[in-house]
Amino acid sequence: ARTCPAHRAWVRRHCCSVPGCLRAPIECAHVRSGTDSGAGVKPSDKWTISLCAYHHRQQHQIGETRFETRYAIDLRVLAAEFARRSPHWLKLARM
């Protein structure tokens, strides 16, 4: 399975991953670049981060490379850290 609703819910309980952002609501955003996604295939839930609705839309609108540069963040590193700290990491490790 590529989905873990419990992990996505856990990710949504965090603040926006953009430094200094206090917006809400928080959404579970999938990181596509350099992950297990493909043409028409959404990444598995182990590649998720918390973003507010504003920044989640922006991630898609300007692309992940520009988004990372604009906010000086590494989306894959953040997603890996979320997966590592998740109480559901065992299920994520099998994805």
PDB file of N, CA and C in Angstrom:
ATOM      1  N   ALA A   1       0.840  -1.195   0.000  1.00  0.00           N
ATOM      2  CA  ALA A   1       0.000   0.000   0.000  1.00  0.00           C
ATOM      3  C   ALA A   1       0.876   1.247   0.000  1.00  0.00           C
ATOM      4  N   ARG A   2       0.393   2.289  -0.659  1.00  0.00           N
ATOM      5  CA  ARG A   2       1.132   3.547  -0.744  1.00  0.00           C
ATOM      6  C   ARG A   2       0.506   4.634   0.113  1.00  0.00           C
ATOM      7  N   THR A   3      -0.554   4.280   0.819  1.00  0.00           N
ATOM      8  CA  THR A   3      -1.239   5.278   1.628  1.00  0.00           C
ATOM      9  C   THR A   3      -1.244   4.886   3.096  1.00  0.00           C
ATOM     10  N   CYS A   4      -1.237   5.911   3.937  1.00  0.00           N
ATOM     11  CA  CYS A   4      -1.328   5.713   5.386  1.00  0.00           C
ATOM     12  C   CYS A   4      -2.106   6.897   5.956  1.00  0.00           C
ATOM     13  N   PRO A   5      -3.439   6.776   6.011  1.00  0.00           N
ATOM     14  CA  PRO A   5      -4.259   7.882   6.507  1.00  0.00           C
ATOM     15  C   PRO A   5      -3.853   8.358   7.905  1.00  0.00           C
ATOM     16  N   ALA A   6      -3.414   7.450   8.759  1.00  0.00           N
ATOM     17  CA  ALA A   6      -3.009   7.841  10.118  1.00  0.00           C
ATOM     18  C   ALA A   6      -1.771   8.737  10.077  1.00  0.00           C
ATOM     19  N   HIS A   7      -0.828   8.440   9.194  1.00  0.00           N
ATOM     20  CA  HIS A   7       0.358   9.292   9.066  1.00  0.00           C
ATOM     21  C   HIS A   7      -0.030  10.663   8.518  1.00  0.00           C
ATOM     22  N   ARG A   8      -0.889  10.694   7.513  1.00  0.00           N
ATOM     23  CA  ARG A   8      -1.325  11.981   6.961  1.00  0.00           C
ATOM     24  C   ARG A   8      -2.006  12.829   8.037  1.00  0.00           C
ATOM     25  N   ALA A   9      -2.830  12.211   8.865  1.00  0.00           N
ATOM     26  CA  ALA A   9      -3.488  12.940   9.955  1.00  0.00           C
ATOM     27  C   ALA A   9      -2.448  13.470  10.942  1.00  0.00           C
ATOM     28  N   TRP A  10      -1.434  12.666  11.229  1.00  0.00           N
ATOM     29  CA  TRP A  10      -0.367  13.084  12.146  1.00  0.00           C
ATOM     30  C   TRP A  10       0.401  14.277  11.560  1.00  0.00           C
ATOM     31  N   VAL A  11       0.696  14.243  10.262  1.00  0.00           N
ATOM     32  CA  VAL A  11       1.406  15.340   9.601  1.00  0.00           C
ATOM     33  C   VAL A  11       0.584  16.621   9.690  1.00  0.00           C
ATOM     34  N   ARG A  12      -0.731  16.526   9.500  1.00  0.00           N
ATOM     35  CA  ARG A  12      -1.594  17.710   9.536  1.00  0.00           C
ATOM     36  C   ARG A  12      -1.664  18.351  10.919  1.00  0.00           C
ATOM     37  N   ARG A  13      -1.246  17.665  11.946  1.00  0.00           N
ATOM     38  CA  ARG A  13      -1.264  18.235  13.295  1.00  0.00           C
ATOM     39  C   ARG A  13      -0.057  19.146  13.556  1.00  0.00           C
ATOM     40  N   HIS A  14       0.833  19.285  12.587  1.00  0.00           N
ATOM     41  CA  HIS A  14       2.009  20.135  12.737  1.00  0.00           C
ATOM     42  C   HIS A  14       1.763  21.512  12.123  1.00  0.00           C
ATOM     43  N   CYS A  15       2.668  22.435  12.398  1.00  0.00           N
ATOM     44  CA  CYS A  15       2.620  23.770  11.787  1.00  0.00           C
ATOM     45  C   CYS A  15       3.069  23.670  10.335  1.00  0.00           C
ATOM     46  N   CYS A  16       2.870  24.731   9.611  1.00  0.00           N
ATOM     47  CA  CYS A  16       3.353  24.814   8.236  1.00  0.00           C
ATOM     48  C   CYS A  16       4.871  24.663   8.241  1.00  0.00           C
ATOM     49  N   SER A  17       5.389  23.912   7.291  1.00  0.00           N
ATOM     50  CA  SER A  17       6.831  23.655   7.203  1.00  0.00           C
ATOM     51  C   SER A  17       7.633  24.840   6.675  1.00  0.00           C
ATOM     52  N   VAL A  18       6.966  25.879   6.211  1.00  0.00           N
ATOM     53  CA  VAL A  18       7.668  27.088   5.773  1.00  0.00           C
ATOM     54  C   VAL A  18       8.039  27.880   7.024  1.00  0.00           C
ATOM     55  N   PRO A  19       9.328  28.141   7.210  1.00  0.00           N
ATOM     56  CA  PRO A  19       9.768  28.845   8.419  1.00  0.00           C
ATOM     57  C   PRO A  19       9.024  30.154   8.648  1.00  0.00           C
ATOM     58  N   GLY A  20       8.517  30.327   9.866  1.00  0.00           N
ATOM     59  CA  GLY A  20       7.839  31.550  10.253  1.00  0.00           C
ATOM     60  C   GLY A  20       6.373  31.628   9.879  1.00  0.00           C
ATOM     61  N   CYS A  21       5.869  30.662   9.125  1.00  0.00           N
ATOM     62  CA  CYS A  21       4.460  30.699   8.713  1.00  0.00           C
ATOM     63  C   CYS A  21       3.568  30.203   9.853  1.00  0.00           C
ATOM     64  N   LEU A  22       2.541  30.980  10.148  1.00  0.00           N
ATOM     65  CA  LEU A  22       1.588  30.618  11.196  1.00  0.00           C
ATOM     66  C   LEU A  22       0.183  30.416  10.636  1.00  0.00           C
ATOM     67  N   ARG A  23       0.078  30.313   9.306  1.00  0.00           N
ATOM     68  CA  ARG A  23      -1.240  30.161   8.683  1.00  0.00           C
ATOM     69  C   ARG A  23      -1.861  28.800   8.993  1.00  0.00           C
ATOM     70  N   ALA A  24      -3.167  28.761   8.872  1.00  0.00           N
ATOM     71  CA  ALA A  24      -3.944  27.527   8.985  1.00  0.00           C
ATOM     72  C   ALA A  24      -5.052  27.639   7.938  1.00  0.00           C
ATOM     73  N   PRO A  25      -5.673  26.575   7.544  1.00  0.00           N
ATOM     74  CA  PRO A  25      -5.479  25.205   8.028  1.00  0.00           C
ATOM     75  C   PRO A  25      -4.231  24.570   7.428  1.00  0.00           C
ATOM     76  N   ILE A  26      -3.822  23.482   8.039  1.00  0.00           N
ATOM     77  CA  ILE A  26      -2.666  22.732   7.587  1.00  0.00           C
ATOM     78  C   ILE A  26      -3.126  21.570   6.719  1.00  0.00           C
ATOM     79  N   GLU A  27      -2.405  21.380   5.614  1.00  0.00           N
ATOM     80  CA  GLU A  27      -2.691  20.278   4.697  1.00  0.00           C
ATOM     81  C   GLU A  27      -1.483  19.360   4.615  1.00  0.00           C
ATOM     82  N   CYS A  28      -1.723  18.167   4.192  1.00  0.00           N
ATOM     83  CA  CYS A  28      -0.670  17.180   3.998  1.00  0.00           C
ATOM     84  C   CYS A  28      -0.239  17.273   2.528  1.00  0.00           C
ATOM     85  N   ALA A  29       0.969  17.773   2.296  1.00  0.00           N
ATOM     86  CA  ALA A  29       1.457  18.000   0.930  1.00  0.00           C
ATOM     87  C   ALA A  29       2.446  16.912   0.538  1.00  0.00           C
ATOM     88  N   HIS A  30       2.259  16.343  -0.642  1.00  0.00           N
ATOM     89  CA  HIS A  30       3.178  15.326  -1.154  1.00  0.00           C
ATOM     90  C   HIS A  30       4.342  15.988  -1.887  1.00  0.00           C
ATOM     91  N   VAL A  31       5.527  15.486  -1.661  1.00  0.00           N
ATOM     92  CA  VAL A  31       6.734  15.944  -2.352  1.00  0.00           C
ATOM     93  C   VAL A  31       6.917  15.031  -3.558  1.00  0.00           C
ATOM     94  N   ARG A  32       7.022  15.608  -4.738  1.00  0.00           N
ATOM     95  CA  ARG A  32       7.096  14.812  -5.958  1.00  0.00           C
ATOM     96  C   ARG A  32       8.522  14.644  -6.484  1.00  0.00           C
ATOM     97  N   SER A  33       9.302  15.697  -6.472  1.00  0.00           N
ATOM     98  CA  SER A  33      10.648  15.657  -7.058  1.00  0.00           C
ATOM     99  C   SER A  33      11.565  14.692  -6.319  1.00  0.00           C
ATOM    100  N   GLY A  34      12.129  13.747  -7.063  1.00  0.00           N
ATOM    101  CA  GLY A  34      13.093  12.823  -6.481  1.00  0.00           C
ATOM    102  C   GLY A  34      12.512  11.798  -5.536  1.00  0.00           C
ATOM    103  N   THR A  35      11.206  11.539  -5.651  1.00  0.00           N
ATOM    104  CA  THR A  35      10.560  10.568  -4.766  1.00  0.00           C
ATOM    105  C   THR A  35      10.042   9.393  -5.598  1.00  0.00           C
ATOM    106  N   ASP A  36       9.114   8.637  -5.028  1.00  0.00           N
ATOM    107  CA  ASP A  36       8.586   7.451  -5.711  1.00  0.00           C
ATOM    108  C   ASP A  36       7.362   7.752  -6.575  1.00  0.00           C
ATOM    109  N   SER A  37       7.252   8.993  -7.042  1.00  0.00           N
ATOM    110  CA  SER A  37       6.140   9.331  -7.935  1.00  0.00           C
ATOM    111  C   SER A  37       6.562   9.071  -9.375  1.00  0.00           C
ATOM    112  N   GLY A  38       5.607   9.202 -10.252  1.00  0.00           N
ATOM    113  CA  GLY A  38       5.889   9.027 -11.668  1.00  0.00           C
ATOM    114  C   GLY A  38       4.835   9.751 -12.473  1.00  0.00           C
ATOM    115  N   ALA A  39       4.858   9.571 -13.758  1.00  0.00           N
ATOM    116  CA  ALA A  39       3.868  10.214 -14.615  1.00  0.00           C
ATOM    117  C   ALA A  39       2.479   9.714 -14.228  1.00  0.00           C
ATOM    118  N   GLY A  40       1.679  10.606 -13.689  1.00  0.00           N
ATOM    119  CA  GLY A  40       0.326  10.251 -13.278  1.00  0.00           C
ATOM    120  C   GLY A  40       0.251   9.426 -12.004  1.00  0.00           C
ATOM    121  N   VAL A  41       1.372   9.266 -11.300  1.00  0.00           N
ATOM    122  CA  VAL A  41       1.393   8.476 -10.057  1.00  0.00           C
ATOM    123  C   VAL A  41       1.756   9.398  -8.903  1.00  0.00           C
ATOM    124  N   LYS A  42       0.838   9.511  -7.952  1.00  0.00           N
ATOM    125  CA  LYS A  42       1.070  10.332  -6.774  1.00  0.00           C
ATOM    126  C   LYS A  42       2.110   9.658  -5.879  1.00  0.00           C
ATOM    127  N   PRO A  43       2.990  10.429  -5.240  1.00  0.00           N
ATOM    128  CA  PRO A  43       3.973   9.824  -4.333  1.00  0.00           C
ATOM    129  C   PRO A  43       3.279   9.115  -3.171  1.00  0.00           C
ATOM    130  N   SER A  44       3.970   8.162  -2.589  1.00  0.00           N
ATOM    131  CA  SER A  44       3.414   7.490  -1.418  1.00  0.00           C
ATOM    132  C   SER A  44       3.376   8.463  -0.246  1.00  0.00           C
ATOM    133  N   ASP A  45       2.603   8.118   0.758  1.00  0.00           N
ATOM    134  CA  ASP A  45       2.409   9.005   1.896  1.00  0.00           C
ATOM    135  C   ASP A  45       3.661   9.199   2.744  1.00  0.00           C
ATOM    136  N   LYS A  46       4.696   8.392   2.525  1.00  0.00           N
ATOM    137  CA  LYS A  46       5.922   8.636   3.286  1.00  0.00           C
ATOM    138  C   LYS A  46       6.620   9.898   2.807  1.00  0.00           C
ATOM    139  N   TRP A  47       6.214  10.442   1.673  1.00  0.00           N
ATOM    140  CA  TRP A  47       6.790  11.669   1.132  1.00  0.00           C
ATOM    141  C   TRP A  47       5.852  12.848   1.342  1.00  0.00           C
ATOM    142  N   THR A  48       5.432  13.074   2.581  1.00  0.00           N
ATOM    143  CA  THR A  48       4.513  14.171   2.880  1.00  0.00           C
ATOM    144  C   THR A  48       5.111  15.116   3.912  1.00  0.00           C
ATOM    145  N   ILE A  49       4.691  16.375   3.806  1.00  0.00           N
ATOM    146  CA  ILE A  49       5.068  17.404   4.767  1.00  0.00           C
ATOM    147  C   ILE A  49       3.823  18.215   5.103  1.00  0.00           C
ATOM    148  N   SER A  50       3.909  18.998   6.155  1.00  0.00           N
ATOM    149  CA  SER A  50       2.799  19.864   6.534  1.00  0.00           C
ATOM    150  C   SER A  50       2.979  21.228   5.872  1.00  0.00           C
ATOM    151  N   LEU A  51       1.972  21.655   5.146  1.00  0.00           N
ATOM    152  CA  LEU A  51       1.952  22.995   4.567  1.00  0.00           C
ATOM    153  C   LEU A  51       0.578  23.603   4.805  1.00  0.00           C
ATOM    154  N   CYS A  52       0.536  24.908   5.043  1.00  0.00           N
ATOM    155  CA  CYS A  52      -0.758  25.582   5.106  1.00  0.00           C
ATOM    156  C   CYS A  52      -1.345  25.565   3.689  1.00  0.00           C
ATOM    157  N   ALA A  53      -2.625  25.839   3.591  1.00  0.00           N
ATOM    158  CA  ALA A  53      -3.294  25.799   2.290  1.00  0.00           C
ATOM    159  C   ALA A  53      -2.633  26.761   1.300  1.00  0.00           C
ATOM    160  N   TYR A  54      -2.232  27.948   1.771  1.00  0.00           N
ATOM    161  CA  TYR A  54      -1.585  28.942   0.908  1.00  0.00           C
ATOM    162  C   TYR A  54      -0.282  28.390   0.319  1.00  0.00           C
ATOM    163  N   HIS A  55       0.593  27.860   1.172  1.00  0.00           N
ATOM    164  CA  HIS A  55       1.884  27.370   0.695  1.00  0.00           C
ATOM    165  C   HIS A  55       1.744  26.075  -0.106  1.00  0.00           C
ATOM    166  N   HIS A  56       0.740  25.267   0.194  1.00  0.00           N
ATOM    167  CA  HIS A  56       0.505  24.050  -0.583  1.00  0.00           C
ATOM    168  C   HIS A  56       0.150  24.425  -2.028  1.00  0.00           C
ATOM    169  N   ARG A  57      -0.732  25.393  -2.187  1.00  0.00           N
ATOM    170  CA  ARG A  57      -1.084  25.863  -3.544  1.00  0.00           C
ATOM    171  C   ARG A  57       0.159  26.424  -4.242  1.00  0.00           C
ATOM    172  N   GLN A  58       0.942  27.212  -3.498  1.00  0.00           N
ATOM    173  CA  GLN A  58       2.133  27.810  -4.079  1.00  0.00           C
ATOM    174  C   GLN A  58       3.144  26.743  -4.512  1.00  0.00           C
ATOM    175  N   GLN A  59       3.291  25.694  -3.725  1.00  0.00           N
ATOM    176  CA  GLN A  59       4.194  24.589  -4.074  1.00  0.00           C
ATOM    177  C   GLN A  59       3.863  24.056  -5.470  1.00  0.00           C
ATOM    178  N   HIS A  60       2.581  23.907  -5.752  1.00  0.00           N
ATOM    179  CA  HIS A  60       2.160  23.390  -7.053  1.00  0.00           C
ATOM    180  C   HIS A  60       2.263  24.458  -8.151  1.00  0.00           C
ATOM    181  N   GLN A  61       1.959  25.701  -7.805  1.00  0.00           N
ATOM    182  CA  GLN A  61       1.943  26.763  -8.816  1.00  0.00           C
ATOM    183  C   GLN A  61       3.333  27.119  -9.334  1.00  0.00           C
ATOM    184  N   ILE A  62       4.321  27.237  -8.437  1.00  0.00           N
ATOM    185  CA  ILE A  62       5.641  27.692  -8.885  1.00  0.00           C
ATOM    186  C   ILE A  62       6.626  26.540  -9.070  1.00  0.00           C
ATOM    187  N   GLY A  63       6.251  25.341  -8.632  1.00  0.00           N
ATOM    188  CA  GLY A  63       7.126  24.184  -8.754  1.00  0.00           C
ATOM    189  C   GLY A  63       8.001  24.017  -7.523  1.00  0.00           C
ATOM    190  N   GLU A  64       8.399  22.787  -7.289  1.00  0.00           N
ATOM    191  CA  GLU A  64       9.120  22.482  -6.056  1.00  0.00           C
ATOM    192  C   GLU A  64      10.511  23.098  -5.997  1.00  0.00           C
ATOM    193  N   THR A  65      11.210  23.176  -7.123  1.00  0.00           N
ATOM    194  CA  THR A  65      12.564  23.752  -7.111  1.00  0.00           C
ATOM    195  C   THR A  65      12.518  25.225  -6.714  1.00  0.00           C
ATOM    196  N   ARG A  66      11.640  25.988  -7.333  1.00  0.00           N
ATOM    197  CA  ARG A  66      11.504  27.416  -6.981  1.00  0.00           C
ATOM    198  C   ARG A  66      10.999  27.580  -5.561  1.00  0.00           C
ATOM    199  N   PHE A  67      10.090  26.718  -5.138  1.00  0.00           N
ATOM    200  CA  PHE A  67       9.542  26.771  -3.775  1.00  0.00           C
ATOM    201  C   PHE A  67      10.664  26.561  -2.753  1.00  0.00           C
ATOM    202  N   GLU A  68      11.494  25.550  -2.992  1.00  0.00           N
ATOM    203  CA  GLU A  68      12.616  25.268  -2.078  1.00  0.00           C
ATOM    204  C   GLU A  68      13.589  26.449  -2.025  1.00  0.00           C
ATOM    205  N   THR A  69      13.881  27.038  -3.167  1.00  0.00           N
ATOM    206  CA  THR A  69      14.792  28.175  -3.220  1.00  0.00           C
ATOM    207  C   THR A  69      14.205  29.382  -2.502  1.00  0.00           C
ATOM    208  N   ARG A  70      12.948  29.656  -2.762  1.00  0.00           N
ATOM    209  CA  ARG A  70      12.287  30.815  -2.152  1.00  0.00           C
ATOM    210  C   ARG A  70      12.318  30.747  -0.629  1.00  0.00           C
ATOM    211  N   TYR A  71      12.109  29.560  -0.059  1.00  0.00           N
ATOM    212  CA  TYR A  71      11.997  29.430   1.393  1.00  0.00           C
ATOM    213  C   TYR A  71      13.212  28.758   2.037  1.00  0.00           C
ATOM    214  N   ALA A  72      14.244  28.481   1.260  1.00  0.00           N
ATOM    215  CA  ALA A  72      15.479  27.869   1.767  1.00  0.00           C
ATOM    216  C   ALA A  72      15.189  26.598   2.569  1.00  0.00           C
ATOM    217  N   ILE A  73      14.378  25.722   1.951  1.00  0.00           N
ATOM    218  CA  ILE A  73      14.053  24.440   2.583  1.00  0.00           C
ATOM    219  C   ILE A  73      14.275  23.313   1.580  1.00  0.00           C
ATOM    220  N   ASP A  74      14.490  22.122   2.097  1.00  0.00           N
ATOM    221  CA  ASP A  74      14.664  20.927   1.273  1.00  0.00           C
ATOM    222  C   ASP A  74      13.468  20.022   1.538  1.00  0.00           C
ATOM    223  N   LEU A  75      12.563  19.940   0.584  1.00  0.00           N
ATOM    224  CA  LEU A  75      11.312  19.210   0.784  1.00  0.00           C
ATOM    225  C   LEU A  75      11.535  17.726   1.048  1.00  0.00           C
ATOM    226  N   ARG A  76      12.482  17.105   0.353  1.00  0.00           N
ATOM    227  CA  ARG A  76      12.743  15.673   0.570  1.00  0.00           C
ATOM    228  C   ARG A  76      13.296  15.422   1.963  1.00  0.00           C
ATOM    229  N   VAL A  77      14.187  16.280   2.432  1.00  0.00           N
ATOM    230  CA  VAL A  77      14.738  16.133   3.783  1.00  0.00           C
ATOM    231  C   VAL A  77      13.622  16.278   4.819  1.00  0.00           C
ATOM    232  N   LEU A  78      12.748  17.268   4.619  1.00  0.00           N
ATOM    233  CA  LEU A  78      11.623  17.449   5.548  1.00  0.00           C
ATOM    234  C   LEU A  78      10.709  16.228   5.563  1.00  0.00           C
ATOM    235  N   ALA A  79      10.381  15.717   4.383  1.00  0.00           N
ATOM    236  CA  ALA A  79       9.505  14.545   4.309  1.00  0.00           C
ATOM    237  C   ALA A  79      10.147  13.341   4.978  1.00  0.00           C
ATOM    238  N   ALA A  80      11.433  13.153   4.766  1.00  0.00           N
ATOM    239  CA  ALA A  80      12.140  12.032   5.396  1.00  0.00           C
ATOM    240  C   ALA A  80      12.115  12.163   6.916  1.00  0.00           C
ATOM    241  N   GLU A  81      12.240  13.390   7.408  1.00  0.00           N
ATOM    242  CA  GLU A  81      12.209  13.618   8.859  1.00  0.00           C
ATOM    243  C   GLU A  81      10.808  13.366   9.415  1.00  0.00           C
ATOM    244  N   PHE A  82       9.778  13.804   8.701  1.00  0.00           N
ATOM    245  CA  PHE A  82       8.409  13.502   9.129  1.00  0.00           C
ATOM    246  C   PHE A  82       8.206  11.989   9.202  1.00  0.00           C
ATOM    247  N   ALA A  83       8.658  11.270   8.176  1.00  0.00           N
ATOM    248  CA  ALA A  83       8.486   9.814   8.160  1.00  0.00           C
ATOM    249  C   ALA A  83       9.259   9.156   9.300  1.00  0.00           C
ATOM    250  N   ARG A  84      10.470   9.634   9.562  1.00  0.00           N
ATOM    251  CA  ARG A  84      11.303   9.056  10.616  1.00  0.00           C
ATOM    252  C   ARG A  84      10.691   9.254  11.997  1.00  0.00           C
ATOM    253  N   ARG A  85      10.065  10.406  12.217  1.00  0.00           N
ATOM    254  CA  ARG A  85       9.499  10.721  13.530  1.00  0.00           C
ATOM    255  C   ARG A  85       8.053  10.247  13.702  1.00  0.00           C
ATOM    256  N   SER A  86       7.438   9.828  12.627  1.00  0.00           N
ATOM    257  CA  SER A  86       6.034   9.437  12.673  1.00  0.00           C
ATOM    258  C   SER A  86       5.806   8.235  13.575  1.00  0.00           C
ATOM    259  N   PRO A  87       4.721   8.241  14.345  1.00  0.00           N
ATOM    260  CA  PRO A  87       4.374   7.040  15.114  1.00  0.00           C
ATOM    261  C   PRO A  87       3.993   5.875  14.198  1.00  0.00           C
ATOM    262  N   HIS A  88       3.856   6.140  12.919  1.00  0.00           N
ATOM    263  CA  HIS A  88       3.466   5.128  11.938  1.00  0.00           C
ATOM    264  C   HIS A  88       4.637   4.754  11.033  1.00  0.00           C
ATOM    265  N   TRP A  89       5.862   4.989  11.483  1.00  0.00           N
ATOM    266  CA  TRP A  89       7.057   4.797  10.664  1.00  0.00           C
ATOM    267  C   TRP A  89       7.231   3.362  10.180  1.00  0.00           C
ATOM    268  N   LEU A  90       6.774   2.382  10.953  1.00  0.00           N
ATOM    269  CA  LEU A  90       6.922   0.991  10.499  1.00  0.00           C
ATOM    270  C   LEU A  90       6.143   0.742   9.211  1.00  0.00           C
ATOM    271  N   LYS A  91       4.921   1.259   9.161  1.00  0.00           N
ATOM    272  CA  LYS A  91       4.142   1.093   7.939  1.00  0.00           C
ATOM    273  C   LYS A  91       4.781   1.870   6.787  1.00  0.00           C
ATOM    274  N   LEU A  92       5.280   3.062   7.073  1.00  0.00           N
ATOM    275  CA  LEU A  92       5.907   3.890   6.036  1.00  0.00           C
ATOM    276  C   LEU A  92       7.165   3.212   5.490  1.00  0.00           C
ATOM    277  N   ALA A  93       7.902   2.543   6.345  1.00  0.00           N
ATOM    278  CA  ALA A  93       9.139   1.877   5.925  1.00  0.00           C
ATOM    279  C   ALA A  93       8.874   0.752   4.925  1.00  0.00           C
ATOM    280  N   ARG A  94       7.672   0.220   4.944  1.00  0.00           N
ATOM    281  CA  ARG A  94       7.314  -0.870   4.019  1.00  0.00           C
ATOM    282  C   ARG A  94       6.805  -0.353   2.674  1.00  0.00           C
ATOM    283  N   MET A  95       6.700   0.954   2.520  1.00  0.00           N
ATOM    284  CA  MET A  95       6.189   1.534   1.272  1.00  0.00           C
ATOM    285  C   MET A  95       7.279   1.607   0.232  1.00  0.00           C
TER     286      MET A  95
END
